[in-house]
């Protein structure tokens, strides 16, 4: 399963979102995330835009060194008080599937879709 939203141009210059390819339920929810890039040994923060059982759509800083296929580790935080610390060994391994470096809001952020590698491993083991 991949966390992918494809876009196509429409003659009237409006964007139409093509059918969703994820099979799981997607929930729109903004939660803080802490992302670890093992190749650079660097942490950076962001927010979820939506969640599903197979992955996330994330809003991250424009300088985040992402490319499709890159492996990351992600901690999804709580919304309110009682936030737990992000412990690296408890972070969820994930892979970047797509990146939109030009979001419509113009806030200097990028939007990326990631799929969880742990769920992929569980599906392979179950098969």
N, C-alpha and C. Protein backbone atom coordinates (compact mmCIF):
# COMPACT_ATOMS: atom_id res chain seq x y z
N UNK A 1 0.83 -1.17 0.00
CA UNK A 1 0.00 0.00 0.00
C UNK A 1 0.88 1.24 0.00
N UNK A 2 0.49 2.24 -0.75
CA UNK A 2 1.24 3.48 -0.77
C UNK A 2 0.33 4.62 -0.35
N UNK A 3 0.96 5.60 0.27
CA UNK A 3 0.25 6.81 0.65
C UNK A 3 0.47 7.78 -0.50
N UNK A 4 -0.50 7.85 -1.41
CA UNK A 4 -0.30 8.64 -2.60
C UNK A 4 -1.58 9.38 -2.95
N UNK A 5 -1.44 10.65 -3.27
CA UNK A 5 -2.52 11.42 -3.86
C UNK A 5 -1.97 11.98 -5.15
N UNK A 6 -2.57 11.65 -6.27
CA UNK A 6 -2.11 12.15 -7.55
C UNK A 6 -2.95 13.35 -7.93
N UNK A 7 -2.33 14.28 -8.67
CA UNK A 7 -3.06 15.48 -9.10
C UNK A 7 -2.95 15.63 -10.60
N UNK A 8 -3.96 16.22 -11.21
CA UNK A 8 -3.96 16.47 -12.65
C UNK A 8 -4.50 17.86 -12.90
N UNK A 9 -4.03 18.50 -13.97
CA UNK A 9 -4.52 19.83 -14.32
C UNK A 9 -5.83 19.70 -15.05
N UNK A 10 -6.73 20.62 -14.80
CA UNK A 10 -8.01 20.68 -15.46
C UNK A 10 -7.99 21.91 -16.35
N UNK A 11 -8.69 21.89 -17.47
CA UNK A 11 -8.65 22.99 -18.44
C UNK A 11 -8.98 24.33 -17.81
N UNK A 12 -9.83 24.35 -16.80
CA UNK A 12 -10.20 25.61 -16.17
C UNK A 12 -9.18 26.06 -15.13
N UNK A 13 -8.02 25.46 -15.12
CA UNK A 13 -6.91 25.77 -14.22
C UNK A 13 -7.22 25.45 -12.76
N UNK A 14 -8.22 24.67 -12.51
CA UNK A 14 -8.49 24.17 -11.17
C UNK A 14 -7.85 22.80 -11.06
N UNK A 15 -7.41 22.45 -9.84
CA UNK A 15 -6.83 21.13 -9.66
C UNK A 15 -7.91 20.16 -9.21
N UNK A 16 -7.90 19.01 -9.82
CA UNK A 16 -8.82 17.94 -9.43
C UNK A 16 -8.01 16.81 -8.83
N UNK A 17 -8.42 16.34 -7.69
CA UNK A 17 -7.70 15.25 -7.04
C UNK A 17 -8.25 13.93 -7.59
N UNK A 18 -7.36 13.09 -8.08
CA UNK A 18 -7.76 11.79 -8.61
C UNK A 18 -8.12 10.86 -7.46
N UNK A 19 -8.73 9.74 -7.76
CA UNK A 19 -9.16 8.83 -6.68
C UNK A 19 -8.01 8.43 -5.76
N UNK A 20 -8.32 8.33 -4.50
CA UNK A 20 -7.35 7.94 -3.47
C UNK A 20 -6.95 6.49 -3.68
N UNK A 21 -5.64 6.21 -3.58
CA UNK A 21 -5.14 4.85 -3.80
C UNK A 21 -4.94 4.09 -2.49
N UNK A 22 -5.03 4.75 -1.35
CA UNK A 22 -4.92 4.03 -0.07
C UNK A 22 -6.20 3.26 0.18
N UNK A 23 -6.06 2.07 0.72
CA UNK A 23 -7.24 1.26 1.02
C UNK A 23 -7.80 1.52 2.40
N UNK A 24 -6.97 2.02 3.31
CA UNK A 24 -7.41 2.24 4.68
C UNK A 24 -8.14 3.56 4.87
N UNK A 25 -8.79 3.69 5.98
CA UNK A 25 -9.49 4.90 6.37
C UNK A 25 -8.48 6.03 6.60
N UNK A 26 -8.77 7.21 6.06
CA UNK A 26 -7.90 8.37 6.26
C UNK A 26 -8.63 9.35 7.17
N UNK A 27 -7.91 9.84 8.20
CA UNK A 27 -8.49 10.77 9.15
C UNK A 27 -7.74 12.08 9.08
N UNK A 28 -8.44 13.18 8.84
CA UNK A 28 -7.81 14.50 8.85
C UNK A 28 -7.56 14.89 10.29
N UNK A 29 -6.30 15.06 10.62
CA UNK A 29 -5.94 15.41 12.00
C UNK A 29 -4.58 16.08 12.00
N UNK A 30 -4.49 17.19 12.73
CA UNK A 30 -3.23 17.92 12.84
C UNK A 30 -2.61 17.58 14.19
N UNK A 31 -1.50 16.86 14.13
CA UNK A 31 -0.74 16.50 15.33
C UNK A 31 0.72 16.85 15.10
N UNK A 32 1.42 17.21 16.16
CA UNK A 32 2.85 17.49 15.99
C UNK A 32 3.61 16.19 15.71
N UNK A 33 4.63 16.29 14.86
CA UNK A 33 5.49 15.14 14.59
C UNK A 33 6.95 15.55 14.76
N UNK A 34 7.75 14.57 15.16
CA UNK A 34 9.19 14.75 15.22
C UNK A 34 9.76 13.73 14.24
N UNK A 35 10.56 14.20 13.29
CA UNK A 35 11.10 13.36 12.24
C UNK A 35 12.61 13.27 12.42
N UNK A 36 13.14 12.04 12.31
CA UNK A 36 14.58 11.84 12.38
C UNK A 36 15.05 11.34 11.03
N UNK A 37 16.06 12.02 10.48
CA UNK A 37 16.67 11.62 9.21
C UNK A 37 17.97 10.88 9.55
N UNK A 38 17.98 9.53 9.45
CA UNK A 38 19.18 8.77 9.83
C UNK A 38 20.41 9.09 8.98
N UNK A 39 20.22 9.46 7.71
CA UNK A 39 21.37 9.73 6.85
C UNK A 39 22.10 11.01 7.26
N UNK A 40 21.38 11.98 7.82
CA UNK A 40 21.99 13.23 8.26
C UNK A 40 22.12 13.30 9.78
N UNK A 41 21.53 12.31 10.48
CA UNK A 41 21.49 12.30 11.94
C UNK A 41 20.95 13.62 12.47
N UNK A 42 19.79 14.01 11.95
CA UNK A 42 19.18 15.30 12.31
C UNK A 42 17.68 15.13 12.53
N UNK A 43 17.17 15.85 13.52
CA UNK A 43 15.74 15.88 13.81
C UNK A 43 15.14 17.16 13.24
N UNK A 44 13.88 17.09 12.84
CA UNK A 44 13.12 18.29 12.51
C UNK A 44 11.66 18.04 12.80
N UNK A 45 10.92 19.11 13.01
CA UNK A 45 9.52 19.00 13.40
C UNK A 45 8.58 19.29 12.26
N UNK A 46 7.33 18.95 12.47
CA UNK A 46 6.29 19.22 11.49
C UNK A 46 4.93 18.90 12.08
N UNK A 47 3.95 18.76 11.20
CA UNK A 47 2.60 18.42 11.62
C UNK A 47 1.99 17.44 10.64
N UNK A 48 1.10 16.59 11.16
CA UNK A 48 0.34 15.72 10.26
C UNK A 48 -0.78 16.54 9.65
N UNK A 49 -1.16 16.18 8.44
CA UNK A 49 -2.37 16.73 7.83
C UNK A 49 -3.47 15.67 7.85
N UNK A 50 -3.06 14.43 7.60
CA UNK A 50 -3.99 13.32 7.79
C UNK A 50 -3.22 12.06 8.12
N UNK A 51 -3.94 11.10 8.69
CA UNK A 51 -3.35 9.84 9.15
C UNK A 51 -4.13 8.68 8.54
N UNK A 52 -3.45 7.59 8.30
CA UNK A 52 -4.13 6.34 7.94
C UNK A 52 -3.33 5.20 8.55
N UNK A 53 -3.83 4.00 8.43
CA UNK A 53 -3.11 2.86 9.02
C UNK A 53 -1.82 2.57 8.28
N UNK A 54 -1.70 3.05 7.03
CA UNK A 54 -0.51 2.75 6.24
C UNK A 54 0.48 3.91 6.15
N UNK A 55 0.09 5.12 6.56
CA UNK A 55 1.01 6.23 6.45
C UNK A 55 0.42 7.57 6.87
N UNK A 56 1.16 8.63 6.53
CA UNK A 56 0.79 9.99 6.93
C UNK A 56 0.98 10.96 5.77
N UNK A 57 0.23 12.04 5.80
CA UNK A 57 0.55 13.20 4.97
C UNK A 57 1.05 14.24 5.95
N UNK A 58 2.28 14.73 5.72
CA UNK A 58 2.96 15.63 6.64
C UNK A 58 3.19 17.00 6.04
N UNK A 59 3.16 18.01 6.90
CA UNK A 59 3.59 19.36 6.55
C UNK A 59 4.90 19.57 7.28
N UNK A 60 5.96 19.90 6.53
CA UNK A 60 7.31 20.01 7.08
C UNK A 60 7.95 21.32 6.63
N UNK A 61 9.04 21.75 7.29
CA UNK A 61 9.72 22.97 6.87
C UNK A 61 10.29 22.82 5.45
N UNK A 62 10.35 23.93 4.71
CA UNK A 62 10.81 23.90 3.32
C UNK A 62 12.24 23.40 3.19
N UNK A 63 13.05 23.56 4.21
CA UNK A 63 14.45 23.14 4.14
C UNK A 63 14.65 21.65 4.43
N UNK A 64 13.59 20.94 4.79
CA UNK A 64 13.72 19.52 5.13
C UNK A 64 14.30 18.75 3.94
N UNK A 65 15.37 17.98 4.17
CA UNK A 65 16.07 17.29 3.08
C UNK A 65 15.37 15.99 2.66
N UNK A 66 14.25 16.12 1.96
CA UNK A 66 13.46 14.96 1.59
C UNK A 66 13.53 14.69 0.09
N UNK A 67 13.38 13.42 -0.25
CA UNK A 67 13.25 12.99 -1.64
C UNK A 67 12.47 11.66 -1.61
N UNK A 68 11.75 11.35 -2.65
CA UNK A 68 11.03 10.08 -2.68
C UNK A 68 11.98 8.91 -2.48
N UNK A 69 11.56 7.96 -1.66
CA UNK A 69 12.37 6.79 -1.36
C UNK A 69 13.22 6.92 -0.10
N UNK A 70 13.37 8.14 0.41
CA UNK A 70 14.21 8.36 1.60
C UNK A 70 13.56 7.73 2.82
N UNK A 71 14.38 7.11 3.66
CA UNK A 71 13.91 6.47 4.89
C UNK A 71 14.00 7.46 6.04
N UNK A 72 12.94 7.52 6.84
CA UNK A 72 12.86 8.40 8.00
C UNK A 72 12.36 7.60 9.20
N UNK A 73 12.45 8.21 10.36
CA UNK A 73 11.82 7.67 11.56
C UNK A 73 10.95 8.77 12.13
N UNK A 74 9.72 8.44 12.51
CA UNK A 74 8.72 9.44 12.86
C UNK A 74 8.09 9.14 14.21
N UNK A 75 7.91 10.21 15.00
CA UNK A 75 7.16 10.14 16.25
C UNK A 75 5.97 11.08 16.10
N UNK A 76 4.76 10.54 16.26
CA UNK A 76 3.55 11.36 16.20
C UNK A 76 3.16 11.70 17.63
N UNK A 77 3.07 12.99 17.93
CA UNK A 77 2.77 13.45 19.27
C UNK A 77 1.28 13.52 19.55
N UNK A 78 0.97 13.86 20.79
CA UNK A 78 -0.41 14.06 21.21
C UNK A 78 -0.83 15.48 20.90
N UNK A 79 -2.11 15.75 20.91
CA UNK A 79 -2.58 17.09 20.60
C UNK A 79 -2.51 18.03 21.79
N UNK A 80 -2.74 17.54 22.95
CA UNK A 80 -2.83 18.43 24.11
C UNK A 80 -1.73 18.22 25.12
N UNK A 81 -2.05 18.52 26.37
CA UNK A 81 -1.09 18.35 27.46
C UNK A 81 -0.76 16.87 27.65
N UNK A 82 0.32 16.59 28.32
CA UNK A 82 0.72 15.22 28.56
C UNK A 82 1.56 14.64 27.44
N UNK A 83 2.18 15.51 26.66
CA UNK A 83 3.02 15.08 25.54
C UNK A 83 4.18 14.22 26.03
N UNK A 84 4.37 13.08 25.40
CA UNK A 84 5.49 12.21 25.76
C UNK A 84 6.72 12.61 24.96
N UNK A 85 7.89 12.26 25.48
CA UNK A 85 9.13 12.53 24.78
C UNK A 85 9.30 11.54 23.64
N UNK A 86 9.92 12.00 22.56
CA UNK A 86 10.19 11.13 21.43
C UNK A 86 11.49 10.39 21.68
N UNK A 87 11.40 9.09 21.90
CA UNK A 87 12.57 8.25 22.11
C UNK A 87 12.86 7.56 20.79
N UNK A 88 14.08 7.69 20.30
CA UNK A 88 14.41 7.24 18.95
C UNK A 88 14.06 5.77 18.71
N UNK A 89 14.32 4.90 19.65
CA UNK A 89 14.05 3.48 19.41
C UNK A 89 12.54 3.18 19.35
N UNK A 90 11.71 4.13 19.75
CA UNK A 90 10.27 3.95 19.67
C UNK A 90 9.66 4.67 18.47
N UNK A 91 10.49 5.31 17.65
CA UNK A 91 9.99 6.02 16.48
C UNK A 91 9.61 5.00 15.39
N UNK A 92 8.67 5.37 14.55
CA UNK A 92 8.15 4.48 13.52
C UNK A 92 8.96 4.67 12.23
N UNK A 93 9.52 3.58 11.68
CA UNK A 93 10.24 3.71 10.41
C UNK A 93 9.25 3.97 9.27
N UNK A 94 9.63 4.87 8.37
CA UNK A 94 8.75 5.24 7.27
C UNK A 94 9.59 5.56 6.03
N UNK A 95 8.93 5.59 4.88
CA UNK A 95 9.59 5.91 3.62
C UNK A 95 8.80 7.01 2.92
N UNK A 96 9.51 8.01 2.40
CA UNK A 96 8.87 9.11 1.66
C UNK A 96 8.39 8.57 0.32
N UNK A 97 7.10 8.80 0.01
CA UNK A 97 6.51 8.32 -1.23
C UNK A 97 6.40 9.46 -2.24
N UNK A 98 5.96 10.63 -1.79
CA UNK A 98 5.82 11.79 -2.68
C UNK A 98 6.07 13.07 -1.91
N UNK A 99 6.39 14.13 -2.67
CA UNK A 99 6.67 15.44 -2.08
C UNK A 99 6.01 16.51 -2.95
N UNK A 100 5.38 17.49 -2.31
CA UNK A 100 4.85 18.67 -2.99
C UNK A 100 5.58 19.87 -2.41
N UNK A 101 6.55 20.41 -3.13
CA UNK A 101 7.33 21.54 -2.65
C UNK A 101 6.65 22.88 -2.92
N UNK A 102 5.52 22.87 -3.56
CA UNK A 102 4.82 24.11 -3.90
C UNK A 102 3.38 24.08 -3.40
N UNK A 103 3.15 23.94 -2.08
CA UNK A 103 1.77 23.93 -1.60
C UNK A 103 1.08 25.26 -1.89
N UNK A 104 -0.22 25.20 -2.06
CA UNK A 104 -1.01 26.36 -2.46
C UNK A 104 -1.03 27.48 -1.43
N UNK A 105 -0.77 27.18 -0.16
CA UNK A 105 -0.91 28.20 0.88
C UNK A 105 0.26 29.20 0.92
N UNK A 106 1.40 28.88 0.29
CA UNK A 106 2.53 29.81 0.22
C UNK A 106 3.19 30.11 1.55
N UNK A 107 3.16 29.17 2.52
CA UNK A 107 3.73 29.41 3.85
C UNK A 107 5.18 28.93 3.98
N UNK A 108 5.84 28.59 2.89
CA UNK A 108 7.21 28.15 2.98
C UNK A 108 7.35 26.76 3.60
N UNK A 109 6.40 25.93 3.37
CA UNK A 109 6.40 24.56 3.90
C UNK A 109 6.30 23.60 2.72
N UNK A 110 6.65 22.35 2.94
CA UNK A 110 6.42 21.31 1.95
C UNK A 110 5.44 20.30 2.52
N UNK A 111 4.75 19.62 1.64
CA UNK A 111 3.83 18.57 2.04
C UNK A 111 4.39 17.28 1.47
N UNK A 112 4.43 16.23 2.30
CA UNK A 112 4.99 14.95 1.87
C UNK A 112 4.10 13.81 2.34
N UNK A 113 4.06 12.76 1.54
CA UNK A 113 3.36 11.55 1.91
C UNK A 113 4.38 10.48 2.27
N UNK A 114 4.18 9.84 3.40
CA UNK A 114 5.07 8.76 3.84
C UNK A 114 4.26 7.51 4.12
N UNK A 115 4.89 6.36 3.88
CA UNK A 115 4.25 5.09 4.24
C UNK A 115 5.05 4.46 5.36
N UNK A 116 4.36 3.83 6.28
CA UNK A 116 5.01 3.17 7.39
C UNK A 116 5.66 1.88 6.91
N UNK A 117 6.92 1.67 7.26
CA UNK A 117 7.60 0.44 6.89
C UNK A 117 7.23 -0.69 7.82
N UNK A 118 6.89 -0.39 9.06
CA UNK A 118 6.49 -1.43 10.03
C UNK A 118 5.23 -2.14 9.55
N UNK A 119 4.26 -1.39 9.00
CA UNK A 119 3.03 -2.02 8.53
C UNK A 119 3.30 -2.86 7.28
N UNK A 120 4.27 -2.42 6.46
CA UNK A 120 4.65 -3.19 5.29
C UNK A 120 5.24 -4.53 5.71
N UNK A 121 6.11 -4.52 6.72
CA UNK A 121 6.72 -5.75 7.21
C UNK A 121 5.65 -6.68 7.80
N UNK A 122 4.68 -6.11 8.51
CA UNK A 122 3.62 -6.93 9.10
C UNK A 122 2.77 -7.58 8.01
N UNK A 123 2.51 -6.86 6.91
CA UNK A 123 1.74 -7.43 5.81
C UNK A 123 2.49 -8.57 5.14
N UNK A 124 3.80 -8.42 4.97
CA UNK A 124 4.60 -9.46 4.35
C UNK A 124 4.62 -10.70 5.25
N UNK A 125 4.76 -10.49 6.57
CA UNK A 125 4.78 -11.61 7.51
C UNK A 125 3.43 -12.34 7.52
N UNK A 126 2.34 -11.59 7.36
CA UNK A 126 1.02 -12.18 7.40
C UNK A 126 0.71 -12.99 6.15
N UNK A 127 1.37 -12.67 5.05
CA UNK A 127 1.08 -13.34 3.77
C UNK A 127 1.67 -14.73 3.69
